[in-house]
Amino acid sequence: MSDKNLSRRRFLQQVAVAVPAGAMLLDKQAGAADMPKLDPADLAAAALLYVEDAADVDTSNPMAARFEPGQNCANCVQIQGEDGAAWRPCAIFPGKVVASAGWCSVWAPMP
């Protein structure tokens, strides 16, 4: 099975393990400059279709069906850190920074 065609069950298993486990490891004292950039090939990133540039979202993938132009990490409720920074921490990928111009399938609008 290719990484782009994860089964729904495998996807849910990976997210169920990765998100809570990662959240426990988040060092709230660490600054974004101290964190590594999230690699799109990372298992959790790939499972959630993370891309560093929202223009690269594979809209043929059913998990990206709700993607709309204009959505990116910078305007997602999960983003943390300083507004305007190119790379910022994300609640979904603890301990890593994501590209503000990026996108993943967990994207949700800010209130």
PDB file of N, CA and C in Angstrom:
ATOM      1  N   MET A   1       0.846  -1.174   0.000  1.00  0.00           N
ATOM      2  CA  MET A   1       0.000   0.000   0.000  1.00  0.00           C
ATOM      3  C   MET A   1       0.889   1.234   0.000  1.00  0.00           C
ATOM      4  N   SER A   2       0.576   2.201  -0.860  1.00  0.00           N
ATOM      5  CA  SER A   2       1.393   3.412  -0.895  1.00  0.00           C
ATOM      6  C   SER A   2       1.025   4.320   0.264  1.00  0.00           C
ATOM      7  N   ASP A   3       1.967   5.205   0.646  1.00  0.00           N
ATOM      8  CA  ASP A   3       1.730   6.136   1.747  1.00  0.00           C
ATOM      9  C   ASP A   3       0.580   7.090   1.456  1.00  0.00           C
ATOM     10  N   LYS A   4       0.327   7.387   0.187  1.00  0.00           N
ATOM     11  CA  LYS A   4      -0.741   8.327  -0.158  1.00  0.00           C
ATOM     12  C   LYS A   4      -2.117   7.673  -0.083  1.00  0.00           C
ATOM     13  N   ASN A   5      -2.160   6.365  -0.023  1.00  0.00           N
ATOM     14  CA  ASN A   5      -3.432   5.654  -0.003  1.00  0.00           C
ATOM     15  C   ASN A   5      -3.589   4.846   1.272  1.00  0.00           C
ATOM     16  N   LEU A   6      -3.420   5.489   2.403  1.00  0.00           N
ATOM     17  CA  LEU A   6      -3.570   4.811   3.677  1.00  0.00           C
ATOM     18  C   LEU A   6      -5.018   4.389   3.868  1.00  0.00           C
ATOM     19  N   SER A   7      -5.203   3.217   4.453  1.00  0.00           N
ATOM     20  CA  SER A   7      -6.569   2.805   4.747  1.00  0.00           C
ATOM     21  C   SER A   7      -7.107   3.668   5.878  1.00  0.00           C
ATOM     22  N   ARG A   8      -8.399   3.779   5.947  1.00  0.00           N
ATOM     23  CA  ARG A   8      -9.022   4.583   7.003  1.00  0.00           C
ATOM     24  C   ARG A   8      -8.642   4.044   8.379  1.00  0.00           C
ATOM     25  N   ARG A   9      -8.648   2.735   8.531  1.00  0.00           N
ATOM     26  CA  ARG A   9      -8.314   2.124   9.821  1.00  0.00           C
ATOM     27  C   ARG A   9      -6.875   2.449  10.219  1.00  0.00           C
ATOM     28  N   ARG A  10      -5.944   2.312   9.277  1.00  0.00           N
ATOM     29  CA  ARG A  10      -4.537   2.608   9.582  1.00  0.00           C
ATOM     30  C   ARG A  10      -4.359   4.086   9.928  1.00  0.00           C
ATOM     31  N   PHE A  11      -5.029   4.947   9.187  1.00  0.00           N
ATOM     32  CA  PHE A  11      -4.964   6.375   9.460  1.00  0.00           C
ATOM     33  C   PHE A  11      -5.435   6.669  10.883  1.00  0.00           C
ATOM     34  N   LEU A  12      -6.599   6.147  11.257  1.00  0.00           N
ATOM     35  CA  LEU A  12      -7.139   6.406  12.591  1.00  0.00           C
ATOM     36  C   LEU A  12      -6.249   5.831  13.683  1.00  0.00           C
ATOM     37  N   GLN A  13      -5.649   4.670  13.431  1.00  0.00           N
ATOM     38  CA  GLN A  13      -4.733   4.090  14.418  1.00  0.00           C
ATOM     39  C   GLN A  13      -3.520   4.993  14.612  1.00  0.00           C
ATOM     40  N   GLN A  14      -2.974   5.498  13.533  1.00  0.00           N
ATOM     41  CA  GLN A  14      -1.787   6.347  13.629  1.00  0.00           C
ATOM     42  C   GLN A  14      -2.098   7.655  14.351  1.00  0.00           C
ATOM     43  N   VAL A  15      -3.227   8.253  14.026  1.00  0.00           N
ATOM     44  CA  VAL A  15      -3.592   9.511  14.667  1.00  0.00           C
ATOM     45  C   VAL A  15      -3.900   9.279  16.142  1.00  0.00           C
ATOM     46  N   ALA A  16      -4.603   8.204  16.467  1.00  0.00           N
ATOM     47  CA  ALA A  16      -4.963   7.915  17.854  1.00  0.00           C
ATOM     48  C   ALA A  16      -3.736   7.732  18.730  1.00  0.00           C
ATOM     49  N   VAL A  17      -2.663   7.223  18.149  1.00  0.00           N
ATOM     50  CA  VAL A  17      -1.432   7.023  18.911  1.00  0.00           C
ATOM     51  C   VAL A  17      -0.554   8.274  18.867  1.00  0.00           C
ATOM     52  N   ALA A  18      -0.393   8.852  17.703  1.00  0.00           N
ATOM     53  CA  ALA A  18       0.562   9.954  17.519  1.00  0.00           C
ATOM     54  C   ALA A  18       0.162  11.237  18.234  1.00  0.00           C
ATOM     55  N   VAL A  19      -1.080  11.631  18.142  1.00  0.00           N
ATOM     56  CA  VAL A  19      -1.469  12.922  18.700  1.00  0.00           C
ATOM     57  C   VAL A  19      -1.394  12.944  20.220  1.00  0.00           C
ATOM     58  N   PRO A  20      -2.032  11.999  20.961  1.00  0.00           N
ATOM     59  CA  PRO A  20      -1.920  12.068  22.420  1.00  0.00           C
ATOM     60  C   PRO A  20      -0.494  11.835  22.919  1.00  0.00           C
ATOM     61  N   ALA A  21       0.219  10.915  22.294  1.00  0.00           N
ATOM     62  CA  ALA A  21       1.592  10.646  22.736  1.00  0.00           C
ATOM     63  C   ALA A  21       2.471  11.862  22.487  1.00  0.00           C
ATOM     64  N   GLY A  22       2.308  12.487  21.358  1.00  0.00           N
ATOM     65  CA  GLY A  22       3.092  13.677  21.052  1.00  0.00           C
ATOM     66  C   GLY A  22       2.758  14.832  21.964  1.00  0.00           C
ATOM     67  N   ALA A  23       1.496  14.972  22.303  1.00  0.00           N
ATOM     68  CA  ALA A  23       1.083  16.070  23.181  1.00  0.00           C
ATOM     69  C   ALA A  23       1.738  15.962  24.547  1.00  0.00           C
ATOM     70  N   MET A  24       1.950  14.748  25.026  1.00  0.00           N
ATOM     71  CA  MET A  24       2.587  14.564  26.329  1.00  0.00           C
ATOM     72  C   MET A  24       4.053  14.964  26.282  1.00  0.00           C
ATOM     73  N   LEU A  25       4.651  14.900  25.099  1.00  0.00           N
ATOM     74  CA  LEU A  25       6.075  15.190  24.967  1.00  0.00           C
ATOM     75  C   LEU A  25       6.367  16.666  24.707  1.00  0.00           C
ATOM     76  N   LEU A  26       5.337  17.436  24.442  1.00  0.00           N
ATOM     77  CA  LEU A  26       5.540  18.846  24.110  1.00  0.00           C
ATOM     78  C   LEU A  26       6.170  19.590  25.275  1.00  0.00           C
ATOM     79  N   ASP A  27       7.296  20.230  24.986  1.00  0.00           N
ATOM     80  CA  ASP A  27       7.967  21.042  25.993  1.00  0.00           C
ATOM     81  C   ASP A  27       7.490  22.463  25.815  1.00  0.00           C
ATOM     82  N   LYS A  28       6.623  22.910  26.692  1.00  0.00           N
ATOM     83  CA  LYS A  28       6.027  24.239  26.568  1.00  0.00           C
ATOM     84  C   LYS A  28       7.059  25.349  26.692  1.00  0.00           C
ATOM     85  N   GLN A  29       8.240  25.057  27.236  1.00  0.00           N
ATOM     86  CA  GLN A  29       9.275  26.067  27.397  1.00  0.00           C
ATOM     87  C   GLN A  29      10.107  26.238  26.125  1.00  0.00           C
ATOM     88  N   ALA A  30      10.076  25.262  25.248  1.00  0.00           N
ATOM     89  CA  ALA A  30      10.900  25.321  24.039  1.00  0.00           C
ATOM     90  C   ALA A  30      10.322  26.338  23.067  1.00  0.00           C
ATOM     91  N   GLY A  31      11.175  27.156  22.510  1.00  0.00           N
ATOM     92  CA  GLY A  31      10.732  28.132  21.524  1.00  0.00           C
ATOM     93  C   GLY A  31      10.699  27.504  20.152  1.00  0.00           C
ATOM     94  N   ALA A  32       9.963  28.114  19.243  1.00  0.00           N
ATOM     95  CA  ALA A  32       9.844  27.581  17.891  1.00  0.00           C
ATOM     96  C   ALA A  32      11.207  27.458  17.219  1.00  0.00           C
ATOM     97  N   ALA A  33      12.126  28.373  17.536  1.00  0.00           N
ATOM     98  CA  ALA A  33      13.460  28.330  16.929  1.00  0.00           C
ATOM     99  C   ALA A  33      14.232  27.085  17.352  1.00  0.00           C
ATOM    100  N   ASP A  34      13.868  26.497  18.498  1.00  0.00           N
ATOM    101  CA  ASP A  34      14.552  25.308  18.999  1.00  0.00           C
ATOM    102  C   ASP A  34      13.976  24.010  18.450  1.00  0.00           C
ATOM    103  N   MET A  35      12.838  24.094  17.776  1.00  0.00           N
ATOM    104  CA  MET A  35      12.148  22.892  17.306  1.00  0.00           C
ATOM    105  C   MET A  35      12.512  22.575  15.859  1.00  0.00           C
ATOM    106  N   PRO A  36      12.581  21.273  15.533  1.00  0.00           N
ATOM    107  CA  PRO A  36      12.840  20.900  14.138  1.00  0.00           C
ATOM    108  C   PRO A  36      11.602  21.111  13.273  1.00  0.00           C
ATOM    109  N   LYS A  37      11.843  21.312  11.990  1.00  0.00           N
ATOM    110  CA  LYS A  37      10.743  21.437  11.037  1.00  0.00           C
ATOM    111  C   LYS A  37      10.122  20.061  10.813  1.00  0.00           C
ATOM    112  N   LEU A  38       8.806  20.029  10.692  1.00  0.00           N
ATOM    113  CA  LEU A  38       8.109  18.784  10.403  1.00  0.00           C
ATOM    114  C   LEU A  38       8.428  18.346   8.982  1.00  0.00           C
ATOM    115  N   ASP A  39       8.875  17.122   8.842  1.00  0.00           N
ATOM    116  CA  ASP A  39       9.168  16.549   7.530  1.00  0.00           C
ATOM    117  C   ASP A  39       7.865  15.994   6.953  1.00  0.00           C
ATOM    118  N   PRO A  40       7.468  16.408   5.759  1.00  0.00           N
ATOM    119  CA  PRO A  40       6.238  15.872   5.164  1.00  0.00           C
ATOM    120  C   PRO A  40       6.252  14.344   5.027  1.00  0.00           C
ATOM    121  N   ALA A  41       7.433  13.734   5.035  1.00  0.00           N
ATOM    122  CA  ALA A  41       7.538  12.282   4.948  1.00  0.00           C
ATOM    123  C   ALA A  41       7.369  11.596   6.307  1.00  0.00           C
ATOM    124  N   ASP A  42       7.352  12.379   7.394  1.00  0.00           N
ATOM    125  CA  ASP A  42       7.124  11.843   8.728  1.00  0.00           C
ATOM    126  C   ASP A  42       5.819  11.040   8.700  1.00  0.00           C
ATOM    127  N   LEU A  43       5.765   9.933   9.427  1.00  0.00           N
ATOM    128  CA  LEU A  43       4.602   9.045   9.391  1.00  0.00           C
ATOM    129  C   LEU A  43       3.305   9.783   9.723  1.00  0.00           C
ATOM    130  N   ALA A  44       3.290  10.554  10.808  1.00  0.00           N
ATOM    131  CA  ALA A  44       2.076  11.291  11.187  1.00  0.00           C
ATOM    132  C   ALA A  44       1.752  12.373  10.168  1.00  0.00           C
ATOM    133  N   ALA A  45       2.770  13.064   9.669  1.00  0.00           N
ATOM    134  CA  ALA A  45       2.555  14.116   8.674  1.00  0.00           C
ATOM    135  C   ALA A  45       1.953  13.524   7.399  1.00  0.00           C
ATOM    136  N   ALA A  46       2.513  12.419   6.937  1.00  0.00           N
ATOM    137  CA  ALA A  46       2.007  11.775   5.724  1.00  0.00           C
ATOM    138  C   ALA A  46       0.574  11.281   5.928  1.00  0.00           C
ATOM    139  N   ALA A  47       0.291  10.736   7.112  1.00  0.00           N
ATOM    140  CA  ALA A  47      -1.057  10.235   7.393  1.00  0.00           C
ATOM    141  C   ALA A  47      -2.086  11.359   7.359  1.00  0.00           C
ATOM    142  N   LEU A  48      -1.650  12.563   7.718  1.00  0.00           N
ATOM    143  CA  LEU A  48      -2.559  13.705   7.743  1.00  0.00           C
ATOM    144  C   LEU A  48      -2.408  14.611   6.522  1.00  0.00           C
ATOM    145  N   LEU A  49      -1.692  14.118   5.503  1.00  0.00           N
ATOM    146  CA  LEU A  49      -1.505  14.806   4.221  1.00  0.00           C
ATOM    147  C   LEU A  49      -0.799  16.150   4.333  1.00  0.00           C
ATOM    148  N   TYR A  50       0.046  16.324   5.361  1.00  0.00           N
ATOM    149  CA  TYR A  50       0.746  17.595   5.542  1.00  0.00           C
ATOM    150  C   TYR A  50       1.619  17.925   4.339  1.00  0.00           C
ATOM    151  N   VAL A  51       1.509  19.170   3.897  1.00  0.00           N
ATOM    152  CA  VAL A  51       2.376  19.723   2.852  1.00  0.00           C
ATOM    153  C   VAL A  51       2.887  21.069   3.346  1.00  0.00           C
ATOM    154  N   GLU A  52       4.071  21.448   2.936  1.00  0.00           N
ATOM    155  CA  GLU A  52       4.653  22.720   3.361  1.00  0.00           C
ATOM    156  C   GLU A  52       4.073  23.906   2.615  1.00  0.00           C
ATOM    157  N   ASP A  53       3.396  23.667   1.504  1.00  0.00           N
ATOM    158  CA  ASP A  53       2.762  24.723   0.726  1.00  0.00           C
ATOM    159  C   ASP A  53       1.354  24.245   0.359  1.00  0.00           C
ATOM    160  N   ALA A  54       0.339  24.965   0.823  1.00  0.00           N
ATOM    161  CA  ALA A  54      -1.047  24.560   0.591  1.00  0.00           C
ATOM    162  C   ALA A  54      -1.370  24.435  -0.897  1.00  0.00           C
ATOM    163  N   ALA A  55      -0.605  25.090  -1.755  1.00  0.00           N
ATOM    164  CA  ALA A  55      -0.816  24.961  -3.201  1.00  0.00           C
ATOM    165  C   ALA A  55      -0.520  23.541  -3.683  1.00  0.00           C
ATOM    166  N   ASP A  56       0.183  22.750  -2.863  1.00  0.00           N
ATOM    167  CA  ASP A  56       0.557  21.391  -3.239  1.00  0.00           C
ATOM    168  C   ASP A  56      -0.404  20.328  -2.714  1.00  0.00           C
ATOM    169  N   VAL A  57      -1.542  20.716  -2.135  1.00  0.00           N
ATOM    170  CA  VAL A  57      -2.499  19.746  -1.601  1.00  0.00           C
ATOM    171  C   VAL A  57      -3.011  18.870  -2.739  1.00  0.00           C
ATOM    172  N   ASP A  58      -2.989  17.558  -2.516  1.00  0.00           N
ATOM    173  CA  ASP A  58      -3.485  16.600  -3.502  1.00  0.00           C
ATOM    174  C   ASP A  58      -5.001  16.497  -3.338  1.00  0.00           C
ATOM    175  N   THR A  59      -5.731  17.296  -4.068  1.00  0.00           N
ATOM    176  CA  THR A  59      -7.186  17.343  -3.917  1.00  0.00           C
ATOM    177  C   THR A  59      -7.875  16.100  -4.462  1.00  0.00           C
ATOM    178  N   SER A  60      -7.132  15.223  -5.131  1.00  0.00           N
ATOM    179  CA  SER A  60      -7.726  13.962  -5.587  1.00  0.00           C
ATOM    180  C   SER A  60      -7.836  12.959  -4.439  1.00  0.00           C
ATOM    181  N   ASN A  61      -7.129  13.211  -3.343  1.00  0.00           N
ATOM    182  CA  ASN A  61      -7.193  12.330  -2.173  1.00  0.00           C
ATOM    183  C   ASN A  61      -8.480  12.640  -1.413  1.00  0.00           C
ATOM    184  N   PRO A  62      -9.300  11.638  -1.103  1.00  0.00           N
ATOM    185  CA  PRO A  62     -10.557  11.878  -0.384  1.00  0.00           C
ATOM    186  C   PRO A  62     -10.370  12.568   0.972  1.00  0.00           C
ATOM    187  N   MET A  63      -9.222  12.387   1.593  1.00  0.00           N
ATOM    188  CA  MET A  63      -8.981  13.029   2.887  1.00  0.00           C
ATOM    189  C   MET A  63      -8.753  14.534   2.735  1.00  0.00           C
ATOM    190  N   ALA A  64      -8.543  14.995   1.517  1.00  0.00           N
ATOM    191  CA  ALA A  64      -8.348  16.417   1.263  1.00  0.00           C
ATOM    192  C   ALA A  64      -9.592  17.032   0.614  1.00  0.00           C
ATOM    193  N   ALA A  65     -10.704  16.315   0.639  1.00  0.00           N
ATOM    194  CA  ALA A  65     -11.916  16.763  -0.046  1.00  0.00           C
ATOM    195  C   ALA A  65     -12.430  18.096   0.477  1.00  0.00           C
ATOM    196  N   ARG A  66     -12.202  18.400   1.746  1.00  0.00           N
ATOM    197  CA  ARG A  66     -12.721  19.662   2.288  1.00  0.00           C
ATOM    198  C   ARG A  66     -11.735  20.821   2.163  1.00  0.00           C
ATOM    199  N   PHE A  67     -10.592  20.574   1.523  1.00  0.00           N
ATOM    200  CA  PHE A  67      -9.633  21.661   1.296  1.00  0.00           C
ATOM    201  C   PHE A  67     -10.235  22.707   0.374  1.00  0.00           C
ATOM    202  N   GLU A  68     -10.028  23.962   0.737  1.00  0.00           N
ATOM    203  CA  GLU A  68     -10.431  25.078  -0.111  1.00  0.00           C
ATOM    204  C   GLU A  68      -9.264  26.051  -0.205  1.00  0.00           C
ATOM    205  N   PRO A  69      -9.070  26.669  -1.371  1.00  0.00           N
ATOM    206  CA  PRO A  69      -7.999  27.674  -1.492  1.00  0.00           C
ATOM    207  C   PRO A  69      -8.139  28.731  -0.393  1.00  0.00           C
ATOM    208  N   GLY A  70      -7.005  29.132   0.137  1.00  0.00           N
ATOM    209  CA  GLY A  70      -6.990  30.107   1.226  1.00  0.00           C
ATOM    210  C   GLY A  70      -6.777  29.461   2.586  1.00  0.00           C
ATOM    211  N   GLN A  71      -7.038  28.148   2.692  1.00  0.00           N
ATOM    212  CA  GLN A  71      -6.765  27.438   3.943  1.00  0.00           C
ATOM    213  C   GLN A  71      -5.270  27.185   4.029  1.00  0.00           C
ATOM    214  N   ASN A  72      -4.679  27.461   5.184  1.00  0.00           N
ATOM    215  CA  ASN A  72      -3.277  27.132   5.422  1.00  0.00           C
ATOM    216  C   ASN A  72      -3.041  27.074   6.928  1.00  0.00           C
ATOM    217  N   CYS A  73      -1.888  26.629   7.305  1.00  0.00           N
ATOM    218  CA  CYS A  73      -1.582  26.486   8.726  1.00  0.00           C
ATOM    219  C   CYS A  73      -1.698  27.810   9.477  1.00  0.00           C
ATOM    220  N   ALA A  74      -1.374  28.912   8.842  1.00  0.00           N
ATOM    221  CA  ALA A  74      -1.407  30.214   9.503  1.00  0.00           C
ATOM    222  C   ALA A  74      -2.811  30.615   9.942  1.00  0.00           C
ATOM    223  N   ASN A  75      -3.850  30.086   9.275  1.00  0.00           N
ATOM    224  CA  ASN A  75      -5.212  30.441   9.673  1.00  0.00           C
ATOM    225  C   ASN A  75      -5.983  29.240  10.227  1.00  0.00           C
ATOM    226  N   CYS A  76      -5.242  28.288  10.787  1.00  0.00           N
ATOM    227  CA  CYS A  76      -5.818  27.092  11.413  1.00  0.00           C
ATOM    228  C   CYS A  76      -5.859  27.270  12.934  1.00  0.00           C
ATOM    229  N   VAL A  77      -6.877  26.766  13.555  1.00  0.00           N
ATOM    230  CA  VAL A  77      -7.027  26.875  15.005  1.00  0.00           C
ATOM    231  C   VAL A  77      -5.910  26.139  15.760  1.00  0.00           C
ATOM    232  N   GLN A  78      -5.243  25.199  15.123  1.00  0.00           N
ATOM    233  CA  GLN A  78      -4.206  24.405  15.784  1.00  0.00           C
ATOM    234  C   GLN A  78      -2.846  25.117  15.868  1.00  0.00           C
ATOM    235  N   ILE A  79      -2.667  26.180  15.080  1.00  0.00           N
ATOM    236  CA  ILE A  79      -1.362  26.861  15.019  1.00  0.00           C
ATOM    237  C   ILE A  79      -1.081  27.592  16.325  1.00  0.00           C
ATOM    238  N   GLN A  80       0.180  27.651  16.671  1.00  0.00           N
ATOM    239  CA  GLN A  80       0.618  28.331  17.880  1.00  0.00           C
ATOM    240  C   GLN A  80       1.770  29.254  17.506  1.00  0.00           C
ATOM    241  N   GLY A  81       2.297  29.950  18.469  1.00  0.00           N
ATOM    242  CA  GLY A  81       3.465  30.784  18.215  1.00  0.00           C
ATOM    243  C   GLY A  81       3.119  32.159  17.692  1.00  0.00           C
ATOM    244  N   GLU A  82       4.135  32.816  17.173  1.00  0.00           N
ATOM    245  CA  GLU A  82       4.057  34.221  16.771  1.00  0.00           C
ATOM    246  C   GLU A  82       3.411  34.398  15.400  1.00  0.00           C
ATOM    247  N   ASP A  83       2.359  35.223  15.341  1.00  0.00           N
ATOM    248  CA  ASP A  83       1.726  35.542  14.061  1.00  0.00           C
ATOM    249  C   ASP A  83       2.778  36.094  13.098  1.00  0.00           C
ATOM    250  N   GLY A  84       2.692  35.671  11.861  1.00  0.00           N
ATOM    251  CA  GLY A  84       3.594  36.179  10.838  1.00  0.00           C
ATOM    252  C   GLY A  84       4.869  35.371  10.654  1.00  0.00           C
ATOM    253  N   ALA A  85       5.183  34.486  11.607  1.00  0.00           N
ATOM    254  CA  ALA A  85       6.392  33.658  11.474  1.00  0.00           C
ATOM    255  C   ALA A  85       6.172  32.620  10.369  1.00  0.00           C
ATOM    256  N   ALA A  86       7.220  32.345   9.610  1.00  0.00           N
ATOM    257  CA  ALA A  86       7.133  31.380   8.516  1.00  0.00           C
ATOM    258  C   ALA A  86       6.971  29.949   9.019  1.00  0.00           C
ATOM    259  N   TRP A  87       7.532  29.641  10.178  1.00  0.00           N
ATOM    260  CA  TRP A  87       7.462  28.308  10.788  1.00  0.00           C
ATOM    261  C   TRP A  87       6.961  28.466  12.217  1.00  0.00           C
ATOM    262  N   ARG A  88       5.919  27.715  12.564  1.00  0.00           N
ATOM    263  CA  ARG A  88       5.303  27.860  13.883  1.00  0.00           C
ATOM    264  C   ARG A  88       4.943  26.505  14.479  1.00  0.00           C
ATOM    265  N   PRO A  89       4.907  26.402  15.805  1.00  0.00           N
ATOM    266  CA  PRO A  89       4.463  25.160  16.451  1.00  0.00           C
ATOM    267  C   PRO A  89       2.993  24.881  16.120  1.00  0.00           C
ATOM    268  N   CYS A  90       2.640  23.612  16.176  1.00  0.00           N
ATOM    269  CA  CYS A  90       1.275  23.174  15.892  1.00  0.00           C
ATOM    270  C   CYS A  90       0.857  22.163  16.950  1.00  0.00           C
ATOM    271  N   ALA A  91      -0.367  22.274  17.433  1.00  0.00           N
ATOM    272  CA  ALA A  91      -0.873  21.355  18.452  1.00  0.00           C
ATOM    273  C   ALA A  91      -0.973  19.922  17.939  1.00  0.00           C
ATOM    274  N   ILE A  92      -1.093  19.733  16.656  1.00  0.00           N
ATOM    275  CA  ILE A  92      -1.221  18.403  16.081  1.00  0.00           C
ATOM    276  C   ILE A  92       0.134  17.700  15.975  1.00  0.00           C
ATOM    277  N   PHE A  93       1.196  18.454  15.809  1.00  0.00           N
ATOM    278  CA  PHE A  93       2.541  17.893  15.656  1.00  0.00           C
ATOM    279  C   PHE A  93       3.455  18.450  16.747  1.00  0.00           C
ATOM    280  N   PRO A  94       3.242  18.059  18.001  1.00  0.00           N
ATOM    281  CA  PRO A  94       4.025  18.603  19.116  1.00  0.00           C
ATOM    282  C   PRO A  94       5.524  18.397  18.941  1.00  0.00           C
ATOM    283  N   GLY A  95       6.276  19.417  19.346  1.00  0.00           N
ATOM    284  CA  GLY A  95       7.723  19.337  19.289  1.00  0.00           C
ATOM    285  C   GLY A  95       8.310  19.657  17.933  1.00  0.00           C
ATOM    286  N   LYS A  96       7.467  19.973  16.964  1.00  0.00           N
ATOM    287  CA  LYS A  96       7.916  20.305  15.611  1.00  0.00           C
ATOM    288  C   LYS A  96       7.243  21.613  15.210  1.00  0.00           C
ATOM    289  N   VAL A  97       7.826  22.278  14.239  1.00  0.00           N
ATOM    290  CA  VAL A  97       7.187  23.458  13.664  1.00  0.00           C
ATOM    291  C   VAL A  97       6.718  23.119  12.257  1.00  0.00           C
ATOM    292  N   VAL A  98       5.619  23.755  11.869  1.00  0.00           N
ATOM    293  CA  VAL A  98       5.049  23.550  10.541  1.00  0.00           C
ATOM    294  C   VAL A  98       5.165  24.844   9.752  1.00  0.00           C
ATOM    295  N   ALA A  99       5.134  24.728   8.447  1.00  0.00           N
ATOM    296  CA  ALA A  99       5.176  25.903   7.586  1.00  0.00           C
ATOM    297  C   ALA A  99       3.845  26.632   7.684  1.00  0.00           C
ATOM    298  N   SER A 100       3.886  27.926   7.938  1.00  0.00           N
ATOM    299  CA  SER A 100       2.648  28.713   8.004  1.00  0.00           C
ATOM    300  C   SER A 100       1.873  28.622   6.693  1.00  0.00           C
ATOM    301  N   ALA A 101       2.577  28.439   5.590  1.00  0.00           N
ATOM    302  CA  ALA A 101       1.950  28.318   4.273  1.00  0.00           C
ATOM    303  C   ALA A 101       1.444  26.909   4.004  1.00  0.00           C
ATOM    304  N   GLY A 102       1.683  25.977   4.943  1.00  0.00           N
ATOM    305  CA  GLY A 102       1.320  24.576   4.759  1.00  0.00           C
ATOM    306  C   GLY A 102      -0.148  24.277   4.998  1.00  0.00           C
ATOM    307  N   TRP A 103      -0.481  22.982   4.990  1.00  0.00           N
ATOM    308  CA  TRP A 103      -1.841  22.522   5.227  1.00  0.00           C
ATOM    309  C   TRP A 103      -1.790  21.052   5.598  1.00  0.00           C
ATOM    310  N   CYS A 104      -2.733  20.603   6.425  1.00  0.00           N
ATOM    311  CA  CYS A 104      -2.950  19.173   6.671  1.00  0.00           C
ATOM    312  C   CYS A 104      -4.445  18.930   6.812  1.00  0.00           C
ATOM    313  N   SER A 105      -4.847  17.678   6.808  1.00  0.00           N
ATOM    314  CA  SER A 105      -6.267  17.334   6.808  1.00  0.00           C
ATOM    315  C   SER A 105      -6.963  17.629   8.137  1.00  0.00           C
ATOM    316  N   VAL A 106      -6.230  18.052   9.162  1.00  0.00           N
ATOM    317  CA  VAL A 106      -6.832  18.417  10.434  1.00  0.00           C
ATOM    318  C   VAL A 106      -7.176  19.908  10.454  1.00  0.00           C
ATOM    319  N   TRP A 107      -6.882  20.627   9.386  1.00  0.00           N
ATOM    320  CA  TRP A 107      -7.128  22.063   9.346  1.00  0.00           C
ATOM    321  C   TRP A 107      -8.543  22.375   9.803  1.00  0.00           C
ATOM    322  N   ALA A 108      -8.664  23.378  10.672  1.00  0.00           N
ATOM    323  CA  ALA A 108      -9.954  23.877  11.157  1.00  0.00           C
ATOM    324  C   ALA A 108      -9.855  25.390  11.264  1.00  0.00           C
ATOM    325  N   PRO A 109     -10.911  26.100  10.925  1.00  0.00           N
ATOM    326  CA  PRO A 109     -10.850  27.565  10.943  1.00  0.00           C
ATOM    327  C   PRO A 109     -10.722  28.119  12.355  1.00  0.00           C
ATOM    328  N   MET A 110     -10.046  29.244  12.447  1.00  0.00           N
ATOM    329  CA  MET A 110      -9.984  29.941  13.729  1.00  0.00           C
ATOM    330  C   MET A 110     -11.359  30.511  14.027  1.00  0.00           C
ATOM    331  N   PRO A 111     -11.727  30.553  15.298  1.00  0.00           N
ATOM    332  CA  PRO A 111     -13.041  31.106  15.630  1.00  0.00           C
ATOM    333  C   PRO A 111     -13.099  32.603  15.384  1.00  0.00           C
TER     334      PRO A 111
END
